[in-house]
Each structure stands twice: as structure tokens, then as C-alpha cells.
Amino acid sequence: GIGMPVNFLFLLGFCFLLVVSFGMTVALSKMNERVKTLTQE
């Protein structure tokens, strides 16, 4: 239901960046926890 194909591509690009950003946040959180554990050990 999107009027113009270019707007559809912009929507896909925006959604992709959100997914990548979320994935990187999760990876960063895991690494932060690992660094904390290693520092304590």
C-alpha cells in the first residue's frame, strides 16, 4: 500500500538499520558482560 516504490525502499532501509542497530546493541551488551566477568576473574 505504499504509493511509490522509492518510498518502499526507504522504509526497507530504515527497518534494516533498526535491526542492525538492535543486533549491535545486543552484541555490545554481551561483550560488556564478558569484559566485566574477565576483569573480575
ModelCIF file with pLDDT and N, C-alpha, C, O atoms, coordinates in Angstrom:
data_MODEL
#
_entry.id   MODEL 
#
_entity.id                         1 
_entity.type                       polymer 
_entity.pdbx_number_of_molecules   1 
#
_entity_poly.entity_id                      1 
_entity_poly.type                           'polypeptide(L)' 
_entity_poly.nstd_linkage                   no 
_entity_poly.nstd_monomer                   no 
_entity_poly.pdbx_seq_one_letter_code       GIGMPVNFLFLLGFCFLLVVSFGMTVALSKMNERVKTLTQE 
_entity_poly.pdbx_seq_one_letter_code_can   GIGMPVNFLFLLGFCFLLVVSFGMTVALSKMNERVKTLTQE 
_entity_poly.pdbx_strand_id                 A 
#
loop_
_entity_poly_seq.entity_id 
_entity_poly_seq.num 
_entity_poly_seq.mon_id 
_entity_poly_seq.hetero 
1 1  GLY n 
1 2  ILE n 
1 3  GLY n 
1 4  MET n 
1 5  PRO n 
1 6  VAL n 
1 7  ASN n 
1 8  PHE n 
1 9  LEU n 
1 10 PHE n 
1 11 LEU n 
1 12 LEU n 
1 13 GLY n 
1 14 PHE n 
1 15 CYS n 
1 16 PHE n 
1 17 LEU n 
1 18 LEU n 
1 19 VAL n 
1 20 VAL n 
1 21 SER n 
1 22 PHE n 
1 23 GLY n 
1 24 MET n 
1 25 THR n 
1 26 VAL n 
1 27 ALA n 
1 28 LEU n 
1 29 SER n 
1 30 LYS n 
1 31 MET n 
1 32 ASN n 
1 33 GLU n 
1 34 ARG n 
1 35 VAL n 
1 36 LYS n 
1 37 THR n 
1 38 LEU n 
1 39 THR n 
1 40 GLN n 
1 41 GLU n 
#
_struct_asym.id          A 
_struct_asym.entity_id   1 
#
loop_
_ma_qa_metric.id 
_ma_qa_metric.mode 
_ma_qa_metric.name 
_ma_qa_metric.software_group_id 
_ma_qa_metric.type 
1 global pLDDT . pLDDT 
2 local  pLDDT . pLDDT 
#
_ma_qa_metric_global.metric_id      1 
_ma_qa_metric_global.metric_value   93.78 
_ma_qa_metric_global.model_id       1 
_ma_qa_metric_global.ordinal_id     1 
#
loop_
_ma_qa_metric_local.label_asym_id 
_ma_qa_metric_local.label_comp_id 
_ma_qa_metric_local.label_seq_id 
_ma_qa_metric_local.metric_id 
_ma_qa_metric_local.metric_value 
_ma_qa_metric_local.model_id 
_ma_qa_metric_local.ordinal_id 
A GLY 1  2 95.00 1 1  
A ILE 2  2 93.00 1 2  
A GLY 3  2 90.00 1 3  
A MET 4  2 91.00 1 4  
A PRO 5  2 89.00 1 5  
A VAL 6  2 89.00 1 6  
A ASN 7  2 92.00 1 7  
A PHE 8  2 92.00 1 8  
A LEU 9  2 90.00 1 9  
A PHE 10 2 92.00 1 10 
A LEU 11 2 93.00 1 11 
A LEU 12 2 92.00 1 12 
A GLY 13 2 91.00 1 13 
A PHE 14 2 95.00 1 14 
A CYS 15 2 93.00 1 15 
A PHE 16 2 92.00 1 16 
A LEU 17 2 92.00 1 17 
A LEU 18 2 95.00 1 18 
A VAL 19 2 91.00 1 19 
A VAL 20 2 89.00 1 20 
A SER 21 2 93.00 1 21 
A PHE 22 2 94.00 1 22 
A GLY 23 2 89.00 1 23 
A MET 24 2 91.00 1 24 
A THR 25 2 96.00 1 25 
A VAL 26 2 94.00 1 26 
A ALA 27 2 91.00 1 27 
A LEU 28 2 95.00 1 28 
A SER 29 2 97.00 1 29 
A LYS 30 2 96.00 1 30 
A MET 31 2 97.00 1 31 
A ASN 32 2 97.00 1 32 
A GLU 33 2 97.00 1 33 
A ARG 34 2 97.00 1 34 
A VAL 35 2 98.00 1 35 
A LYS 36 2 98.00 1 36 
A THR 37 2 98.00 1 37 
A LEU 38 2 98.00 1 38 
A THR 39 2 98.00 1 39 
A GLN 40 2 97.00 1 40 
A GLU 41 2 98.00 1 41 
#
loop_
_atom_site.group_PDB 
_atom_site.id 
_atom_site.type_symbol 
_atom_site.label_atom_id 
_atom_site.label_alt_id 
_atom_site.label_comp_id 
_atom_site.label_asym_id 
_atom_site.label_entity_id 
_atom_site.label_seq_id 
_atom_site.pdbx_PDB_ins_code 
_atom_site.Cartn_x 
_atom_site.Cartn_y 
_atom_site.Cartn_z 
_atom_site.occupancy 
_atom_site.B_iso_or_equiv 
_atom_site.pdbx_formal_charge 
_atom_site.auth_seq_id 
_atom_site.auth_comp_id 
_atom_site.auth_asym_id 
_atom_site.auth_atom_id 
_atom_site.pdbx_PDB_model_num 
ATOM 1   N N  . GLY A 1 1  ? 0.795  -1.227  0.000  1.00 95.00 ? 1  GLY A N  1 
ATOM 2   C CA . GLY A 1 1  ? 0.000  0.000   0.000  1.00 95.00 ? 1  GLY A CA 1 
ATOM 3   C C  . GLY A 1 1  ? 0.825  1.272   0.000  1.00 95.00 ? 1  GLY A C  1 
ATOM 4   O O  . GLY A 1 1  ? 0.310  2.347   0.308  1.00 95.00 ? 1  GLY A O  1 
ATOM 5   N N  . ILE A 1 2  ? 2.080  1.162   -0.337 1.00 93.00 ? 2  ILE A N  1 
ATOM 6   C CA . ILE A 1 2  ? 2.948  2.335   -0.402 1.00 93.00 ? 2  ILE A CA 1 
ATOM 7   C C  . ILE A 1 2  ? 2.897  2.862   -1.824 1.00 93.00 ? 2  ILE A C  1 
ATOM 8   O O  . ILE A 1 2  ? 3.073  2.110   -2.783 1.00 93.00 ? 2  ILE A O  1 
ATOM 9   N N  . GLY A 1 3  ? 2.655  4.166   -1.956 1.00 90.00 ? 3  GLY A N  1 
ATOM 10  C CA . GLY A 1 3  ? 2.411  4.762   -3.260 1.00 90.00 ? 3  GLY A CA 1 
ATOM 11  C C  . GLY A 1 3  ? 3.555  4.696   -4.246 1.00 90.00 ? 3  GLY A C  1 
ATOM 12  O O  . GLY A 1 3  ? 3.347  4.446   -5.434 1.00 90.00 ? 3  GLY A O  1 
ATOM 13  N N  . MET A 1 4  ? 4.757  4.917   -3.762 1.00 91.00 ? 4  MET A N  1 
ATOM 14  C CA . MET A 1 4  ? 5.894  4.971   -4.678 1.00 91.00 ? 4  MET A CA 1 
ATOM 15  C C  . MET A 1 4  ? 6.929  3.914   -4.281 1.00 91.00 ? 4  MET A C  1 
ATOM 16  O O  . MET A 1 4  ? 7.212  3.735   -3.096 1.00 91.00 ? 4  MET A O  1 
ATOM 17  N N  . PRO A 1 5  ? 7.486  3.220   -5.263 1.00 89.00 ? 5  PRO A N  1 
ATOM 18  C CA . PRO A 1 5  ? 8.496  2.189   -4.964 1.00 89.00 ? 5  PRO A CA 1 
ATOM 19  C C  . PRO A 1 5  ? 9.707  2.730   -4.208 1.00 89.00 ? 5  PRO A C  1 
ATOM 20  O O  . PRO A 1 5  ? 10.271 2.030   -3.367 1.00 89.00 ? 5  PRO A O  1 
ATOM 21  N N  . VAL A 1 6  ? 10.112 3.968   -4.498 1.00 89.00 ? 6  VAL A N  1 
ATOM 22  C CA . VAL A 1 6  ? 11.270 4.528   -3.810 1.00 89.00 ? 6  VAL A CA 1 
ATOM 23  C C  . VAL A 1 6  ? 10.975 4.692   -2.317 1.00 89.00 ? 6  VAL A C  1 
ATOM 24  O O  . VAL A 1 6  ? 11.869 4.507   -1.491 1.00 89.00 ? 6  VAL A O  1 
ATOM 25  N N  . ASN A 1 7  ? 9.748  5.034   -1.965 1.00 92.00 ? 7  ASN A N  1 
ATOM 26  C CA . ASN A 1 7  ? 9.382  5.144   -0.549 1.00 92.00 ? 7  ASN A CA 1 
ATOM 27  C C  . ASN A 1 7  ? 9.437  3.772   0.125  1.00 92.00 ? 7  ASN A C  1 
ATOM 28  O O  . ASN A 1 7  ? 9.799  3.665   1.297  1.00 92.00 ? 7  ASN A O  1 
ATOM 29  N N  . PHE A 1 8  ? 9.080  2.735   -0.614 1.00 92.00 ? 8  PHE A N  1 
ATOM 30  C CA . PHE A 1 8  ? 9.170  1.371   -0.088 1.00 92.00 ? 8  PHE A CA 1 
ATOM 31  C C  . PHE A 1 8  ? 10.632 1.022   0.204  1.00 92.00 ? 8  PHE A C  1 
ATOM 32  O O  . PHE A 1 8  ? 10.933 0.410   1.229  1.00 92.00 ? 8  PHE A O  1 
ATOM 33  N N  . LEU A 1 9  ? 11.534 1.412   -0.694 1.00 90.00 ? 9  LEU A N  1 
ATOM 34  C CA . LEU A 1 9  ? 12.955 1.154   -0.487 1.00 90.00 ? 9  LEU A CA 1 
ATOM 35  C C  . LEU A 1 9  ? 13.493 1.911   0.727  1.00 90.00 ? 9  LEU A C  1 
ATOM 36  O O  . LEU A 1 9  ? 14.300 1.376   1.487  1.00 90.00 ? 9  LEU A O  1 
ATOM 37  N N  . PHE A 1 10 ? 13.046 3.158   0.908  1.00 92.00 ? 10 PHE A N  1 
ATOM 38  C CA . PHE A 1 10 ? 13.456 3.913   2.091  1.00 92.00 ? 10 PHE A CA 1 
ATOM 39  C C  . PHE A 1 10 ? 12.958 3.236   3.372  1.00 92.00 ? 10 PHE A C  1 
ATOM 40  O O  . PHE A 1 10 ? 13.682 3.175   4.367  1.00 92.00 ? 10 PHE A O  1 
ATOM 41  N N  . LEU A 1 11 ? 11.734 2.733   3.344  1.00 93.00 ? 11 LEU A N  1 
ATOM 42  C CA . LEU A 1 11 ? 11.190 2.025   4.504  1.00 93.00 ? 11 LEU A CA 1 
ATOM 43  C C  . LEU A 1 11 ? 12.017 0.774   4.801  1.00 93.00 ? 11 LEU A C  1 
ATOM 44  O O  . LEU A 1 11 ? 12.344 0.504   5.957  1.00 93.00 ? 11 LEU A O  1 
ATOM 45  N N  . LEU A 1 12 ? 12.352 0.019   3.771  1.00 92.00 ? 12 LEU A N  1 
ATOM 46  C CA . LEU A 1 12 ? 13.179 -1.181  3.966  1.00 92.00 ? 12 LEU A CA 1 
ATOM 47  C C  . LEU A 1 12 ? 14.546 -0.815  4.537  1.00 92.00 ? 12 LEU A C  1 
ATOM 48  O O  . LEU A 1 12 ? 15.049 -1.487  5.436  1.00 92.00 ? 12 LEU A O  1 
ATOM 49  N N  . GLY A 1 13 ? 15.137 0.244   4.015  1.00 91.00 ? 13 GLY A N  1 
ATOM 50  C CA . GLY A 1 13 ? 16.440 0.684   4.517  1.00 91.00 ? 13 GLY A CA 1 
ATOM 51  C C  . GLY A 1 13 ? 16.373 1.093   5.977  1.00 91.00 ? 13 GLY A C  1 
ATOM 52  O O  . GLY A 1 13 ? 17.258 0.758   6.764  1.00 91.00 ? 13 GLY A O  1 
ATOM 53  N N  . PHE A 1 14 ? 15.328 1.811   6.336  1.00 95.00 ? 14 PHE A N  1 
ATOM 54  C CA . PHE A 1 14 ? 15.158 2.243   7.724  1.00 95.00 ? 14 PHE A CA 1 
ATOM 55  C C  . PHE A 1 14 ? 14.977 1.035   8.643  1.00 95.00 ? 14 PHE A C  1 
ATOM 56  O O  . PHE A 1 14 ? 15.585 0.970   9.712  1.00 95.00 ? 14 PHE A O  1 
ATOM 57  N N  . CYS A 1 15 ? 14.142 0.079   8.227  1.00 93.00 ? 15 CYS A N  1 
ATOM 58  C CA . CYS A 1 15 ? 13.924 -1.126  9.038  1.00 93.00 ? 15 CYS A CA 1 
ATOM 59  C C  . CYS A 1 15 ? 15.210 -1.933  9.174  1.00 93.00 ? 15 CYS A C  1 
ATOM 60  O O  . CYS A 1 15 ? 15.504 -2.465  10.245 1.00 93.00 ? 15 CYS A O  1 
ATOM 61  N N  . PHE A 1 16 ? 15.966 -2.022  8.101  1.00 92.00 ? 16 PHE A N  1 
ATOM 62  C CA . PHE A 1 16 ? 17.238 -2.738  8.150  1.00 92.00 ? 16 PHE A CA 1 
ATOM 63  C C  . PHE A 1 16 ? 18.180 -2.092  9.157  1.00 92.00 ? 16 PHE A C  1 
ATOM 64  O O  . PHE A 1 16 ? 18.812 -2.787  9.953  1.00 92.00 ? 16 PHE A O  1 
ATOM 65  N N  . LEU A 1 17 ? 18.277 -0.768  9.126  1.00 92.00 ? 17 LEU A N  1 
ATOM 66  C CA . LEU A 1 17 ? 19.166 -0.083  10.061 1.00 92.00 ? 17 LEU A CA 1 
ATOM 67  C C  . LEU A 1 17 ? 18.717 -0.274  11.504 1.00 92.00 ? 17 LEU A C  1 
ATOM 68  O O  . LEU A 1 17 ? 19.552 -0.372  12.404 1.00 92.00 ? 17 LEU A O  1 
ATOM 69  N N  . LEU A 1 18 ? 17.420 -0.327  11.733 1.00 95.00 ? 18 LEU A N  1 
ATOM 70  C CA . LEU A 1 18 ? 16.923 -0.601  13.086 1.00 95.00 ? 18 LEU A CA 1 
ATOM 71  C C  . LEU A 1 18 ? 17.331 -1.999  13.548 1.00 95.00 ? 18 LEU A C  1 
ATOM 72  O O  . LEU A 1 18 ? 17.763 -2.180  14.686 1.00 95.00 ? 18 LEU A O  1 
ATOM 73  N N  . VAL A 1 19 ? 17.193 -2.981  12.666 1.00 91.00 ? 19 VAL A N  1 
ATOM 74  C CA . VAL A 1 19 ? 17.554 -4.356  13.015 1.00 91.00 ? 19 VAL A CA 1 
ATOM 75  C C  . VAL A 1 19 ? 19.053 -4.465  13.284 1.00 91.00 ? 19 VAL A C  1 
ATOM 76  O O  . VAL A 1 19 ? 19.459 -5.097  14.259 1.00 91.00 ? 19 VAL A O  1 
ATOM 77  N N  . VAL A 1 20 ? 19.874 -3.860  12.437 1.00 89.00 ? 20 VAL A N  1 
ATOM 78  C CA . VAL A 1 20 ? 21.322 -3.897  12.639 1.00 89.00 ? 20 VAL A CA 1 
ATOM 79  C C  . VAL A 1 20 ? 21.695 -3.189  13.934 1.00 89.00 ? 20 VAL A C  1 
ATOM 80  O O  . VAL A 1 20 ? 22.536 -3.679  14.688 1.00 89.00 ? 20 VAL A O  1 
ATOM 81  N N  . SER A 1 21 ? 21.086 -2.058  14.196 1.00 93.00 ? 21 SER A N  1 
ATOM 82  C CA . SER A 1 21 ? 21.366 -1.320  15.425 1.00 93.00 ? 21 SER A CA 1 
ATOM 83  C C  . SER A 1 21 ? 21.002 -2.150  16.656 1.00 93.00 ? 21 SER A C  1 
ATOM 84  O O  . SER A 1 21 ? 21.750 -2.178  17.633 1.00 93.00 ? 21 SER A O  1 
ATOM 85  N N  . PHE A 1 22 ? 19.862 -2.818  16.607 1.00 94.00 ? 22 PHE A N  1 
ATOM 86  C CA . PHE A 1 22 ? 19.454 -3.667  17.728 1.00 94.00 ? 22 PHE A CA 1 
ATOM 87  C C  . PHE A 1 22 ? 20.432 -4.827  17.906 1.00 94.00 ? 22 PHE A C  1 
ATOM 88  O O  . PHE A 1 22 ? 20.822 -5.147  19.029 1.00 94.00 ? 22 PHE A O  1 
ATOM 89  N N  . GLY A 1 23 ? 20.826 -5.452  16.802 1.00 89.00 ? 23 GLY A N  1 
ATOM 90  C CA . GLY A 1 23 ? 21.777 -6.560  16.874 1.00 89.00 ? 23 GLY A CA 1 
ATOM 91  C C  . GLY A 1 23 ? 23.116 -6.131  17.450 1.00 89.00 ? 23 GLY A C  1 
ATOM 92  O O  . GLY A 1 23 ? 23.713 -6.851  18.250 1.00 89.00 ? 23 GLY A O  1 
ATOM 93  N N  . MET A 1 24 ? 23.587 -4.963  17.047 1.00 91.00 ? 24 MET A N  1 
ATOM 94  C CA . MET A 1 24 ? 24.849 -4.462  17.579 1.00 91.00 ? 24 MET A CA 1 
ATOM 95  C C  . MET A 1 24 ? 24.716 -4.118  19.065 1.00 91.00 ? 24 MET A C  1 
ATOM 96  O O  . MET A 1 24 ? 25.659 -4.312  19.832 1.00 91.00 ? 24 MET A O  1 
ATOM 97  N N  . THR A 1 25 ? 23.566 -3.615  19.469 1.00 96.00 ? 25 THR A N  1 
ATOM 98  C CA . THR A 1 25 ? 23.343 -3.317  20.886 1.00 96.00 ? 25 THR A CA 1 
ATOM 99  C C  . THR A 1 25 ? 23.377 -4.592  21.716 1.00 96.00 ? 25 THR A C  1 
ATOM 100 O O  . THR A 1 25 ? 23.959 -4.612  22.801 1.00 96.00 ? 25 THR A O  1 
ATOM 101 N N  . VAL A 1 26 ? 22.760 -5.649  21.217 1.00 94.00 ? 26 VAL A N  1 
ATOM 102 C CA . VAL A 1 26 ? 22.782 -6.934  21.916 1.00 94.00 ? 26 VAL A CA 1 
ATOM 103 C C  . VAL A 1 26 ? 24.212 -7.464  22.005 1.00 94.00 ? 26 VAL A C  1 
ATOM 104 O O  . VAL A 1 26 ? 24.641 -7.914  23.068 1.00 94.00 ? 26 VAL A O  1 
ATOM 105 N N  . ALA A 1 27 ? 24.949 -7.415  20.900 1.00 91.00 ? 27 ALA A N  1 
ATOM 106 C CA . ALA A 1 27 ? 26.339 -7.886  20.891 1.00 91.00 ? 27 ALA A CA 1 
ATOM 107 C C  . ALA A 1 27 ? 27.198 -7.066  21.848 1.00 91.00 ? 27 ALA A C  1 
ATOM 108 O O  . ALA A 1 27 ? 28.033 -7.621  22.562 1.00 91.00 ? 27 ALA A O  1 
ATOM 109 N N  . LEU A 1 28 ? 27.002 -5.763  21.867 1.00 95.00 ? 28 LEU A N  1 
ATOM 110 C CA . LEU A 1 28 ? 27.756 -4.894  22.764 1.00 95.00 ? 28 LEU A CA 1 
ATOM 111 C C  . LEU A 1 28 ? 27.443 -5.214  24.221 1.00 95.00 ? 28 LEU A C  1 
ATOM 112 O O  . LEU A 1 28 ? 28.342 -5.232  25.062 1.00 95.00 ? 28 LEU A O  1 
ATOM 113 N N  . SER A 1 29 ? 26.194 -5.461  24.515 1.00 97.00 ? 29 SER A N  1 
ATOM 114 C CA . SER A 1 29 ? 25.788 -5.800  25.879 1.00 97.00 ? 29 SER A CA 1 
ATOM 115 C C  . SER A 1 29 ? 26.443 -7.101  26.331 1.00 97.00 ? 29 SER A C  1 
ATOM 116 O O  . SER A 1 29 ? 26.927 -7.198  27.458 1.00 97.00 ? 29 SER A O  1 
ATOM 117 N N  . LYS A 1 30 ? 26.457 -8.108  25.445 1.00 96.00 ? 30 LYS A N  1 
ATOM 118 C CA . LYS A 1 30 ? 27.102 -9.387  25.779 1.00 96.00 ? 30 LYS A CA 1 
ATOM 119 C C  . LYS A 1 30 ? 28.597 -9.200  26.002 1.00 96.00 ? 30 LYS A C  1 
ATOM 120 O O  . LYS A 1 30 ? 29.161 -9.755  26.945 1.00 96.00 ? 30 LYS A O  1 
ATOM 121 N N  . MET A 1 31 ? 29.234 -8.428  25.144 1.00 97.00 ? 31 MET A N  1 
ATOM 122 C CA . MET A 1 31 ? 30.670 -8.201  25.294 1.00 97.00 ? 31 MET A CA 1 
ATOM 123 C C  . MET A 1 31 ? 30.986 -7.440  26.569 1.00 97.00 ? 31 MET A C  1 
ATOM 124 O O  . MET A 1 31 ? 31.982 -7.717  27.237 1.00 97.00 ? 31 MET A O  1 
ATOM 125 N N  . ASN A 1 32 ? 30.138 -6.487  26.902 1.00 97.00 ? 32 ASN A N  1 
ATOM 126 C CA . ASN A 1 32 ? 30.328 -5.725  28.129 1.00 97.00 ? 32 ASN A CA 1 
ATOM 127 C C  . ASN A 1 32 ? 30.277 -6.655  29.339 1.00 97.00 ? 32 ASN A C  1 
ATOM 128 O O  . ASN A 1 32 ? 31.080 -6.515  30.261 1.00 97.00 ? 32 ASN A O  1 
ATOM 129 N N  . GLU A 1 33 ? 29.358 -7.585  29.342 1.00 97.00 ? 33 GLU A N  1 
ATOM 130 C CA . GLU A 1 33 ? 29.243 -8.549  30.437 1.00 97.00 ? 33 GLU A CA 1 
ATOM 131 C C  . GLU A 1 33 ? 30.463 -9.466  30.483 1.00 97.00 ? 33 GLU A C  1 
ATOM 132 O O  . GLU A 1 33 ? 30.957 -9.794  31.562 1.00 97.00 ? 33 GLU A O  1 
ATOM 133 N N  . ARG A 1 34 ? 30.944 -9.878  29.315 1.00 97.00 ? 34 ARG A N  1 
ATOM 134 C CA . ARG A 1 34 ? 32.138 -10.732 29.270 1.00 97.00 ? 34 ARG A CA 1 
ATOM 135 C C  . ARG A 1 34 ? 33.369 -10.007 29.782 1.00 97.00 ? 34 ARG A C  1 
ATOM 136 O O  . ARG A 1 34 ? 34.178 -10.592 30.503 1.00 97.00 ? 34 ARG A O  1 
ATOM 137 N N  . VAL A 1 35 ? 33.522 -8.743  29.421 1.00 98.00 ? 35 VAL A N  1 
ATOM 138 C CA . VAL A 1 35 ? 34.663 -7.956  29.893 1.00 98.00 ? 35 VAL A CA 1 
ATOM 139 C C  . VAL A 1 35 ? 34.597 -7.818  31.417 1.00 98.00 ? 35 VAL A C  1 
ATOM 140 O O  . VAL A 1 35 ? 35.612 -7.939  32.102 1.00 98.00 ? 35 VAL A O  1 
ATOM 141 N N  . LYS A 1 36 ? 33.412 -7.569  31.930 1.00 98.00 ? 36 LYS A N  1 
ATOM 142 C CA . LYS A 1 36 ? 33.243 -7.451  33.384 1.00 98.00 ? 36 LYS A CA 1 
ATOM 143 C C  . LYS A 1 36 ? 33.633 -8.752  34.077 1.00 98.00 ? 36 LYS A C  1 
ATOM 144 O O  . LYS A 1 36 ? 34.344 -8.727  35.082 1.00 98.00 ? 36 LYS A O  1 
ATOM 145 N N  . THR A 1 37 ? 33.177 -9.887  33.554 1.00 98.00 ? 37 THR A N  1 
ATOM 146 C CA . THR A 1 37 ? 33.500 -11.191 34.137 1.00 98.00 ? 37 THR A CA 1 
ATOM 147 C C  . THR A 1 37 ? 34.999 -11.465 34.062 1.00 98.00 ? 37 THR A C  1 
ATOM 148 O O  . THR A 1 37 ? 35.601 -11.909 35.040 1.00 98.00 ? 37 THR A O  1 
ATOM 149 N N  . LEU A 1 38 ? 35.595 -11.203 32.914 1.00 98.00 ? 38 LEU A N  1 
ATOM 150 C CA . LEU A 1 38 ? 37.036 -11.423 32.760 1.00 98.00 ? 38 LEU A CA 1 
ATOM 151 C C  . LEU A 1 38 ? 37.848 -10.531 33.696 1.00 98.00 ? 38 LEU A C  1 
ATOM 152 O O  . LEU A 1 38 ? 38.855 -10.971 34.251 1.00 98.00 ? 38 LEU A O  1 
ATOM 153 N N  . THR A 1 39 ? 37.425 -9.298  33.874 1.00 98.00 ? 39 THR A N  1 
ATOM 154 C CA . THR A 1 39 ? 38.116 -8.378  34.777 1.00 98.00 ? 39 THR A CA 1 
ATOM 155 C C  . THR A 1 39 ? 38.055 -8.895  36.205 1.00 98.00 ? 39 THR A C  1 
ATOM 156 O O  . THR A 1 39 ? 39.050 -8.858  36.929 1.00 98.00 ? 39 THR A O  1 
ATOM 157 N N  . GLN A 1 40 ? 36.883 -9.377  36.608 1.00 97.00 ? 40 GLN A N  1 
ATOM 158 C CA . GLN A 1 40 ? 36.742 -9.921  37.956 1.00 97.00 ? 40 GLN A CA 1 
ATOM 159 C C  . GLN A 1 40 ? 37.602 -11.168 38.143 1.00 97.00 ? 40 GLN A C  1 
ATOM 160 O O  . GLN A 1 40 ? 38.247 -11.329 39.178 1.00 97.00 ? 40 GLN A O  1 
ATOM 161 N N  . GLU A 1 41 ? 37.612 -12.056 37.134 1.00 98.00 ? 41 GLU A N  1 
ATOM 162 C CA . GLU A 1 41 ? 38.433 -13.260 37.224 1.00 98.00 ? 41 GLU A CA 1 
ATOM 163 C C  . GLU A 1 41 ? 39.915 -12.913 37.282 1.00 98.00 ? 41 GLU A C  1 
ATOM 164 O O  . GLU A 1 41 ? 40.756 -13.808 37.361 1.00 98.00 ? 41 GLU A O  1 
#
